[in-house]
Every structure is written in C-alpha cells, then in structure tokens.
PDB file of N, CA and C in Angstrom:
ATOM      1  N   MET A   1       2.367   6.003  15.555  1.00  0.00           N
ATOM      2  CA  MET A   1       3.566   6.192  16.340  1.00  0.00           C
ATOM      3  C   MET A   1       3.881   7.678  16.377  1.00  0.00           C
ATOM      4  N   SER A   2       3.498   8.330  17.407  1.00  0.00           N
ATOM      5  CA  SER A   2       3.771   9.750  17.529  1.00  0.00           C
ATOM      6  C   SER A   2       5.116   9.977  18.200  1.00  0.00           C
ATOM      7  N   THR A   3       5.900  10.839  17.571  1.00  0.00           N
ATOM      8  CA  THR A   3       7.235  11.145  18.101  1.00  0.00           C
ATOM      9  C   THR A   3       7.414  12.649  18.219  1.00  0.00           C
ATOM     10  N   SER A   4       6.297  13.369  18.360  1.00  0.00           N
ATOM     11  CA  SER A   4       6.340  14.826  18.332  1.00  0.00           C
ATOM     12  C   SER A   4       7.095  15.448  19.502  1.00  0.00           C
ATOM     13  N   SER A   5       7.316  14.699  20.578  1.00  0.00           N
ATOM     14  CA  SER A   5       8.026  15.272  21.720  1.00  0.00           C
ATOM     15  C   SER A   5       9.527  15.390  21.460  1.00  0.00           C
ATOM     16  N   GLN A   6       9.995  14.793  20.383  1.00  0.00           N
ATOM     17  CA  GLN A   6      11.412  14.843  20.032  1.00  0.00           C
ATOM     18  C   GLN A   6      11.588  15.705  18.801  1.00  0.00           C
ATOM     19  N   THR A   7      12.720  16.368  18.685  1.00  0.00           N
ATOM     20  CA  THR A   7      13.042  17.133  17.490  1.00  0.00           C
ATOM     21  C   THR A   7      14.459  16.765  17.060  1.00  0.00           C
ATOM     22  N   PRO A   8      14.589  15.814  16.145  1.00  0.00           N
ATOM     23  CA  PRO A   8      15.916  15.362  15.752  1.00  0.00           C
ATOM     24  C   PRO A   8      16.606  16.341  14.811  1.00  0.00           C
ATOM     25  N   ALA A   9      17.917  16.264  14.776  1.00  0.00           N
ATOM     26  CA  ALA A   9      18.703  17.116  13.877  1.00  0.00           C
ATOM     27  C   ALA A   9      18.442  16.796  12.409  1.00  0.00           C
ATOM     28  N   VAL A  10      17.943  15.605  12.116  1.00  0.00           N
ATOM     29  CA  VAL A  10      17.716  15.217  10.720  1.00  0.00           C
ATOM     30  C   VAL A  10      16.694  16.089  10.018  1.00  0.00           C
ATOM     31  N   THR A  11      15.901  16.855  10.757  1.00  0.00           N
ATOM     32  CA  THR A  11      14.930  17.724  10.111  1.00  0.00           C
ATOM     33  C   THR A  11      15.594  18.903   9.391  1.00  0.00           C
ATOM     34  N   ALA A  12      16.920  18.991   9.468  1.00  0.00           N
ATOM     35  CA  ALA A  12      17.641  20.018   8.718  1.00  0.00           C
ATOM     36  C   ALA A  12      17.557  19.757   7.212  1.00  0.00           C
ATOM     37  N   PHE A  13      17.259  18.512   6.816  1.00  0.00           N
ATOM     38  CA  PHE A  13      17.125  18.146   5.408  1.00  0.00           C
ATOM     39  C   PHE A  13      15.647  18.066   5.062  1.00  0.00           C
ATOM     40  N   ALA A  14      15.275  18.616   3.922  1.00  0.00           N
ATOM     41  CA  ALA A  14      13.858  18.650   3.535  1.00  0.00           C
ATOM     42  C   ALA A  14      13.258  17.253   3.471  1.00  0.00           C
ATOM     43  N   GLU A  15      13.989  16.303   2.921  1.00  0.00           N
ATOM     44  CA  GLU A  15      13.454  14.947   2.770  1.00  0.00           C
ATOM     45  C   GLU A  15      13.149  14.311   4.124  1.00  0.00           C
ATOM     46  N   THR A  16      14.089  14.413   5.046  1.00  0.00           N
ATOM     47  CA  THR A  16      13.853  13.806   6.348  1.00  0.00           C
ATOM     48  C   THR A  16      12.839  14.608   7.169  1.00  0.00           C
ATOM     49  N   ALA A  17      12.795  15.907   6.944  1.00  0.00           N
ATOM     50  CA  ALA A  17      11.783  16.725   7.619  1.00  0.00           C
ATOM     51  C   ALA A  17      10.387  16.318   7.149  1.00  0.00           C
ATOM     52  N   ALA A  18      10.225  16.059   5.855  1.00  0.00           N
ATOM     53  CA  ALA A  18       8.935  15.616   5.324  1.00  0.00           C
ATOM     54  C   ALA A  18       8.560  14.253   5.899  1.00  0.00           C
ATOM     55  N   LEU A  19       9.520  13.347   5.936  1.00  0.00           N
ATOM     56  CA  LEU A  19       9.265  12.029   6.507  1.00  0.00           C
ATOM     57  C   LEU A  19       8.932  12.135   7.994  1.00  0.00           C
ATOM     58  N   TRP A  20       9.654  12.989   8.700  1.00  0.00           N
ATOM     59  CA  TRP A  20       9.396  13.210  10.129  1.00  0.00           C
ATOM     60  C   TRP A  20       7.973  13.736  10.341  1.00  0.00           C
ATOM     61  N   ALA A  21       7.546  14.661   9.482  1.00  0.00           N
ATOM     62  CA  ALA A  21       6.189  15.206   9.588  1.00  0.00           C
ATOM     63  C   ALA A  21       5.153  14.105   9.365  1.00  0.00           C
ATOM     64  N   VAL A  22       5.388  13.245   8.381  1.00  0.00           N
ATOM     65  CA  VAL A  22       4.467  12.132   8.126  1.00  0.00           C
ATOM     66  C   VAL A  22       4.432  11.188   9.328  1.00  0.00           C
ATOM     67  N   MET A  23       5.601  10.897   9.888  1.00  0.00           N
ATOM     68  CA  MET A  23       5.665  10.009  11.058  1.00  0.00           C
ATOM     69  C   MET A  23       4.897  10.587  12.237  1.00  0.00           C
ATOM     70  N   ASN A  24       4.806  11.909  12.298  1.00  0.00           N
ATOM     71  CA  ASN A  24       4.075  12.593  13.360  1.00  0.00           C
ATOM     72  C   ASN A  24       2.657  12.960  12.940  1.00  0.00           C
ATOM     73  N   GLU A  25       2.205  12.373  11.839  1.00  0.00           N
ATOM     74  CA  GLU A  25       0.847  12.566  11.335  1.00  0.00           C
ATOM     75  C   GLU A  25       0.510  14.026  11.057  1.00  0.00           C
ATOM     76  N   ASP A  26       1.503  14.763  10.611  1.00  0.00           N
ATOM     77  CA  ASP A  26       1.314  16.170  10.238  1.00  0.00           C
ATOM     78  C   ASP A  26       1.429  16.280   8.716  1.00  0.00           C
ATOM     79  N   ASP A  27       0.392  15.785   8.034  1.00  0.00           N
ATOM     80  CA  ASP A  27       0.411  15.749   6.580  1.00  0.00           C
ATOM     81  C   ASP A  27       0.484  17.146   5.961  1.00  0.00           C
ATOM     82  N   ALA A  28      -0.145  18.121   6.587  1.00  0.00           N
ATOM     83  CA  ALA A  28      -0.105  19.488   6.047  1.00  0.00           C
ATOM     84  C   ALA A  28       1.335  19.998   5.999  1.00  0.00           C
ATOM     85  N   LYS A  29       2.077  19.767   7.067  1.00  0.00           N
ATOM     86  CA  LYS A  29       3.481  20.200   7.091  1.00  0.00           C
ATOM     87  C   LYS A  29       4.293  19.440   6.051  1.00  0.00           C
ATOM     88  N   ALA A  30       4.062  18.133   5.928  1.00  0.00           N
ATOM     89  CA  ALA A  30       4.775  17.333   4.930  1.00  0.00           C
ATOM     90  C   ALA A  30       4.489  17.854   3.525  1.00  0.00           C
ATOM     91  N   ARG A  31       3.233  18.178   3.251  1.00  0.00           N
ATOM     92  CA  ARG A  31       2.873  18.719   1.924  1.00  0.00           C
ATOM     93  C   ARG A  31       3.577  20.044   1.658  1.00  0.00           C
ATOM     94  N   ARG A  32       3.645  20.913   2.668  1.00  0.00           N
ATOM     95  CA  ARG A  32       4.341  22.203   2.492  1.00  0.00           C
ATOM     96  C   ARG A  32       5.821  21.975   2.173  1.00  0.00           C
ATOM     97  N   ILE A  33       6.435  21.053   2.883  1.00  0.00           N
ATOM     98  CA  ILE A  33       7.855  20.776   2.653  1.00  0.00           C
ATOM     99  C   ILE A  33       8.073  20.253   1.243  1.00  0.00           C
ATOM    100  N   VAL A  34       7.253  19.295   0.843  1.00  0.00           N
ATOM    101  CA  VAL A  34       7.400  18.698  -0.491  1.00  0.00           C
ATOM    102  C   VAL A  34       7.087  19.722  -1.573  1.00  0.00           C
ATOM    103  N   ARG A  35       6.078  20.556  -1.345  1.00  0.00           N
ATOM    104  CA  ARG A  35       5.707  21.579  -2.332  1.00  0.00           C
ATOM    105  C   ARG A  35       6.852  22.567  -2.570  1.00  0.00           C
ATOM    106  N   ASP A  36       7.649  22.827  -1.522  1.00  0.00           N
ATOM    107  CA  ASP A  36       8.760  23.772  -1.642  1.00  0.00           C
ATOM    108  C   ASP A  36      10.015  23.174  -2.289  1.00  0.00           C
ATOM    109  N   MET A  37      10.017  21.868  -2.521  1.00  0.00           N
ATOM    110  CA  MET A  37      11.164  21.233  -3.167  1.00  0.00           C
ATOM    111  C   MET A  37      11.121  21.503  -4.674  1.00  0.00           C
ATOM    112  N   TYR A  38      12.289  21.527  -5.296  1.00  0.00           N
ATOM    113  CA  TYR A  38      12.349  21.623  -6.755  1.00  0.00           C
ATOM    114  C   TYR A  38      11.868  20.303  -7.358  1.00  0.00           C
ATOM    115  N   PRO A  39      11.349  20.331  -8.604  1.00  0.00           N
ATOM    116  CA  PRO A  39      10.849  19.096  -9.223  1.00  0.00           C
ATOM    117  C   PRO A  39      11.878  17.961  -9.239  1.00  0.00           C
ATOM    118  N   ASN A  40      13.136  18.273  -9.522  1.00  0.00           N
ATOM    119  CA  ASN A  40      14.144  17.211  -9.548  1.00  0.00           C
ATOM    120  C   ASN A  40      14.393  16.651  -8.144  1.00  0.00           C
ATOM    121  N   GLU A  41      14.263  17.477  -7.110  1.00  0.00           N
ATOM    122  CA  GLU A  41      14.416  17.012  -5.734  1.00  0.00           C
ATOM    123  C   GLU A  41      13.260  16.085  -5.348  1.00  0.00           C
ATOM    124  N   ARG A  42      12.041  16.461  -5.782  1.00  0.00           N
ATOM    125  CA  ARG A  42      10.882  15.601  -5.505  1.00  0.00           C
ATOM    126  C   ARG A  42      11.023  14.262  -6.214  1.00  0.00           C
ATOM    127  N   ALA A  43      11.498  14.289  -7.454  1.00  0.00           N
ATOM    128  CA  ALA A  43      11.662  13.044  -8.207  1.00  0.00           C
ATOM    129  C   ALA A  43      12.708  12.143  -7.552  1.00  0.00           C
ATOM    130  N   GLU A  44      13.806  12.729  -7.127  1.00  0.00           N
ATOM    131  CA  GLU A  44      14.847  11.944  -6.459  1.00  0.00           C
ATOM    132  C   GLU A  44      14.342  11.388  -5.126  1.00  0.00           C
ATOM    133  N   PHE A  45      13.617  12.196  -4.380  1.00  0.00           N
ATOM    134  CA  PHE A  45      13.048  11.759  -3.107  1.00  0.00           C
ATOM    135  C   PHE A  45      12.060  10.615  -3.337  1.00  0.00           C
ATOM    136  N   ALA A  46      11.225  10.733  -4.365  1.00  0.00           N
ATOM    137  CA  ALA A  46      10.266   9.672  -4.684  1.00  0.00           C
ATOM    138  C   ALA A  46      10.994   8.371  -5.016  1.00  0.00           C
ATOM    139  N   ALA A  47      12.078   8.455  -5.769  1.00  0.00           N
ATOM    140  CA  ALA A  47      12.849   7.257  -6.106  1.00  0.00           C
ATOM    141  C   ALA A  47      13.452   6.630  -4.847  1.00  0.00           C
ATOM    142  N   GLN A  48      13.926   7.480  -3.935  1.00  0.00           N
ATOM    143  CA  GLN A  48      14.479   6.975  -2.672  1.00  0.00           C
ATOM    144  C   GLN A  48      13.394   6.292  -1.842  1.00  0.00           C
ATOM    145  N   LEU A  49      12.206   6.882  -1.799  1.00  0.00           N
ATOM    146  CA  LEU A  49      11.100   6.286  -1.059  1.00  0.00           C
ATOM    147  C   LEU A  49      10.658   4.968  -1.696  1.00  0.00           C
ATOM    148  N   ASP A  50      10.684   4.911  -3.031  1.00  0.00           N
ATOM    149  CA  ASP A  50      10.358   3.656  -3.719  1.00  0.00           C
ATOM    150  C   ASP A  50      11.345   2.557  -3.340  1.00  0.00           C
ATOM    151  N   ARG A  51      12.632   2.909  -3.274  1.00  0.00           N
ATOM    152  CA  ARG A  51      13.647   1.923  -2.873  1.00  0.00           C
ATOM    153  C   ARG A  51      13.393   1.456  -1.439  1.00  0.00           C
ATOM    154  N   LEU A  52      13.078   2.403  -0.559  1.00  0.00           N
ATOM    155  CA  LEU A  52      12.804   2.052   0.832  1.00  0.00           C
ATOM    156  C   LEU A  52      11.568   1.158   0.927  1.00  0.00           C
ATOM    157  N   ARG A  53      10.516   1.518   0.213  1.00  0.00           N
ATOM    158  CA  ARG A  53       9.290   0.717   0.238  1.00  0.00           C
ATOM    159  C   ARG A  53       9.552  -0.695  -0.265  1.00  0.00           C
ATOM    160  N   ALA A  54      10.388  -0.835  -1.276  1.00  0.00           N
ATOM    161  CA  ALA A  54      10.721  -2.154  -1.807  1.00  0.00           C
ATOM    162  C   ALA A  54      11.456  -3.006  -0.773  1.00  0.00           C
ATOM    163  N   MET A  55      12.105  -2.362   0.178  1.00  0.00           N
ATOM    164  CA  MET A  55      12.783  -3.102   1.247  1.00  0.00           C
ATOM    165  C   MET A  55      11.793  -3.578   2.303  1.00  0.00           C
ATOM    166  N   LEU A  56      10.607  -2.979   2.342  1.00  0.00           N
ATOM    167  CA  LEU A  56       9.620  -3.273   3.371  1.00  0.00           C
ATOM    168  C   LEU A  56       8.594  -4.315   2.954  1.00  0.00           C
ATOM    169  N   THR A  57       8.151  -4.251   1.703  1.00  0.00           N
ATOM    170  CA  THR A  57       7.093  -5.154   1.253  1.00  0.00           C
ATOM    171  C   THR A  57       7.371  -5.641  -0.163  1.00  0.00           C
ATOM    172  N   ASP A  58       6.721  -6.755  -0.534  1.00  0.00           N
ATOM    173  CA  ASP A  58       6.812  -7.201  -1.913  1.00  0.00           C
ATOM    174  C   ASP A  58       5.837  -6.379  -2.762  1.00  0.00           C
ATOM    175  N   ARG A  59       5.742  -6.677  -4.017  1.00  0.00           N
ATOM    176  CA  ARG A  59       4.911  -5.855  -4.898  1.00  0.00           C
ATOM    177  C   ARG A  59       3.421  -5.956  -4.594  1.00  0.00           C
ATOM    178  N   PHE A  60       3.028  -6.901  -3.739  1.00  0.00           N
ATOM    179  CA  PHE A  60       1.631  -7.047  -3.348  1.00  0.00           C
ATOM    180  C   PHE A  60       1.339  -6.438  -1.985  1.00  0.00           C
ATOM    181  N   GLY A  61       2.364  -5.834  -1.354  1.00  0.00           N
ATOM    182  CA  GLY A  61       2.183  -5.223  -0.054  1.00  0.00           C
ATOM    183  C   GLY A  61       2.395  -6.158   1.117  1.00  0.00           C
ATOM    184  N   ASN A  62       2.876  -7.376   0.844  1.00  0.00           N
ATOM    185  CA  ASN A  62       3.142  -8.335   1.910  1.00  0.00           C
ATOM    186  C   ASN A  62       4.516  -8.072   2.513  1.00  0.00           C
ATOM    187  N   ASP A  63       4.638  -8.294   3.822  1.00  0.00           N
ATOM    188  CA  ASP A  63       5.942  -8.146   4.474  1.00  0.00           C
ATOM    189  C   ASP A  63       6.960  -9.078   3.838  1.00  0.00           C
ATOM    190  N   ILE A  64       8.205  -8.611   3.775  1.00  0.00           N
ATOM    191  CA  ILE A  64       9.296  -9.433   3.256  1.00  0.00           C
ATOM    192  C   ILE A  64      10.070  -9.976   4.455  1.00  0.00           C
ATOM    193  N   PRO A  65      10.178 -11.309   4.569  1.00  0.00           N
ATOM    194  CA  PRO A  65      10.933 -11.868   5.686  1.00  0.00           C
ATOM    195  C   PRO A  65      12.406 -11.460   5.634  1.00  0.00           C
ATOM    196  N   THR A  66      13.047 -11.382   6.791  1.00  0.00           N
ATOM    197  CA  THR A  66      14.466 -11.063   6.872  1.00  0.00           C
ATOM    198  C   THR A  66      15.263 -12.098   6.094  1.00  0.00           C
ATOM    199  N   GLY A  67      16.242 -11.647   5.315  1.00  0.00           N
ATOM    200  CA  GLY A  67      17.092 -12.555   4.550  1.00  0.00           C
ATOM    201  C   GLY A  67      16.496 -13.002   3.233  1.00  0.00           C
ATOM    202  N   PHE A  68      15.321 -12.509   2.894  1.00  0.00           N
ATOM    203  CA  PHE A  68      14.651 -12.897   1.651  1.00  0.00           C
ATOM    204  C   PHE A  68      15.164 -12.062   0.494  1.00  0.00           C
ATOM    205  N   LYS A  69      15.468 -12.707  -0.615  1.00  0.00           N
ATOM    206  CA  LYS A  69      15.856 -11.990  -1.833  1.00  0.00           C
ATOM    207  C   LYS A  69      14.633 -11.938  -2.738  1.00  0.00           C
ATOM    208  N   PRO A  70      14.288 -10.749  -3.237  1.00  0.00           N
ATOM    209  CA  PRO A  70      13.092 -10.664  -4.083  1.00  0.00           C
ATOM    210  C   PRO A  70      13.211 -11.551  -5.308  1.00  0.00           C
ATOM    211  N   ARG A  71      12.119 -12.190  -5.670  1.00  0.00           N
ATOM    212  CA  ARG A  71      12.113 -13.091  -6.810  1.00  0.00           C
ATOM    213  C   ARG A  71      12.065 -12.317  -8.123  1.00  0.00           C
ATOM    214  N   VAL A  72      11.427 -11.173  -8.117  1.00  0.00           N
ATOM    215  CA  VAL A  72      11.265 -10.410  -9.353  1.00  0.00           C
ATOM    216  C   VAL A  72      11.591  -8.949  -9.101  1.00  0.00           C
ATOM    217  N   GLN A  73      12.411  -8.378  -9.979  1.00  0.00           N
ATOM    218  CA  GLN A  73      12.541  -6.928 -10.021  1.00  0.00           C
ATOM    219  C   GLN A  73      11.650  -6.517 -11.179  1.00  0.00           C
ATOM    220  N   VAL A  74      10.584  -5.854 -10.877  1.00  0.00           N
ATOM    221  CA  VAL A  74       9.503  -5.756 -11.829  1.00  0.00           C
ATOM    222  C   VAL A  74       9.670  -4.677 -12.893  1.00  0.00           C
ATOM    223  N   LEU A  75       9.707  -3.417 -12.507  1.00  0.00           N
ATOM    224  CA  LEU A  75       9.618  -2.341 -13.493  1.00  0.00           C
ATOM    225  C   LEU A  75      10.755  -1.345 -13.356  1.00  0.00           C
ATOM    226  N   ASP A  76      11.121  -0.733 -14.490  1.00  0.00           N
ATOM    227  CA  ASP A  76      12.091   0.361 -14.450  1.00  0.00           C
ATOM    228  C   ASP A  76      11.338   1.675 -14.279  1.00  0.00           C
ATOM    229  N   GLU A  77      12.051   2.810 -14.377  1.00  0.00           N
ATOM    230  CA  GLU A  77      11.412   4.109 -14.128  1.00  0.00           C
ATOM    231  C   GLU A  77      10.328   4.478 -15.135  1.00  0.00           C
ATOM    232  N   GLN A  78      10.308   3.816 -16.307  1.00  0.00           N
ATOM    233  CA  GLN A  78       9.252   4.058 -17.289  1.00  0.00           C
ATOM    234  C   GLN A  78       8.129   3.027 -17.198  1.00  0.00           C
ATOM    235  N   GLY A  79       8.196   2.144 -16.197  1.00  0.00           N
ATOM    236  CA  GLY A  79       7.144   1.156 -16.019  1.00  0.00           C
ATOM    237  C   GLY A  79       7.305  -0.074 -16.884  1.00  0.00           C
ATOM    238  N   ARG A  80       8.502  -0.305 -17.456  1.00  0.00           N
ATOM    239  CA  ARG A  80       8.746  -1.476 -18.291  1.00  0.00           C
ATOM    240  C   ARG A  80       9.339  -2.604 -17.450  1.00  0.00           C
ATOM    241  N   PHE A  81       9.023  -3.844 -17.842  1.00  0.00           N
ATOM    242  CA  PHE A  81       9.573  -5.001 -17.145  1.00  0.00           C
ATOM    243  C   PHE A  81      11.094  -4.987 -17.275  1.00  0.00           C
ATOM    244  N   VAL A  82      11.803  -5.224 -16.164  1.00  0.00           N
ATOM    245  CA  VAL A  82      13.261  -5.174 -16.182  1.00  0.00           C
ATOM    246  C   VAL A  82      13.879  -6.558 -16.262  1.00  0.00           C
ATOM    247  N   ALA A  83      13.810  -7.327 -15.182  1.00  0.00           N
ATOM    248  CA  ALA A  83      14.492  -8.612 -15.146  1.00  0.00           C
ATOM    249  C   ALA A  83      13.868  -9.500 -14.099  1.00  0.00           C
ATOM    250  N   ARG A  84      14.002 -10.782 -14.309  1.00  0.00           N
ATOM    251  CA  ARG A  84      13.524 -11.765 -13.333  1.00  0.00           C
ATOM    252  C   ARG A  84      14.726 -12.388 -12.669  1.00  0.00           C
ATOM    253  N   LYS A  85      14.653 -12.518 -11.338  1.00  0.00           N
ATOM    254  CA  LYS A  85      15.736 -13.135 -10.588  1.00  0.00           C
ATOM    255  C   LYS A  85      15.151 -14.270  -9.768  1.00  0.00           C
ATOM    256  N   SER A  86      15.863 -15.362  -9.706  1.00  0.00           N
ATOM    257  CA  SER A  86      15.456 -16.379  -8.753  1.00  0.00           C
ATOM    258  C   SER A  86      15.962 -15.951  -7.399  1.00  0.00           C
ATOM    259  N   GLY A  87      15.268 -16.318  -6.378  1.00  0.00           N
ATOM    260  CA  GLY A  87      15.709 -15.868  -5.061  1.00  0.00           C
ATOM    261  C   GLY A  87      15.245 -16.825  -3.994  1.00  0.00           C
ATOM    262  N   GLY A  88      15.426 -16.417  -2.771  1.00  0.00           N
ATOM    263  CA  GLY A  88      15.048 -17.211  -1.623  1.00  0.00           C
ATOM    264  C   GLY A  88      15.834 -16.736  -0.438  1.00  0.00           C
ATOM    265  N   ALA A  89      15.895 -17.554   0.570  1.00  0.00           N
ATOM    266  CA  ALA A  89      16.649 -17.180   1.770  1.00  0.00           C
ATOM    267  C   ALA A  89      18.133 -17.080   1.449  1.00  0.00           C
ATOM    268  N   ALA A  90      18.789 -16.118   2.066  1.00  0.00           N
ATOM    269  CA  ALA A  90      20.209 -15.902   1.824  1.00  0.00           C
ATOM    270  C   ALA A  90      21.041 -16.939   2.536  1.00  0.00           C
TER     271      ALA A  90
END
C-alpha cells in the first residue's frame, strides 16, 4: 500500500514518521528515524507497537475477529507468564 503521494501532518512526530516510512516501504528512512530516537523513546515506541500488534493478531499471527476478547494475556515485559482470561465474543 503505497501512500507516498500524500504527506500527512502526523510525520511531525518521530514515531508516526517512522511508521509512515514503513507504510511507504522506505525502510532506510524508518531506520534513520528510529536510530535518532533516544533509547527510552525506542523502548516506549516498541511497547506501543506491541500493543497495536496485539490488536491485529493473536499470538500465532492469526487475525482476531471483531468483538473477540483474547483468551490469554501471555507475557509481561520480562517475558514471564502474566494471567489467563476466559474470553469470546463480546
């Protein structure tokens, strides 16, 4: 999905500029943006991307149907098991 003909205002933020570069298949630009971030900014951005990814797929990479509640919240930031939740359609 190339969107290079548009230049949104959201590129004023490093995180969205990096995502915009990835969406436009400009990995070199995305790497430069991420490389220029402070370590704590990269860590926070990674956590945000992890949250977003969890909204898109289950832990096996399968699409999550609309209205589905995840059955398991698997790991915390240190990779330890957190909690099991029963779930299903809302």
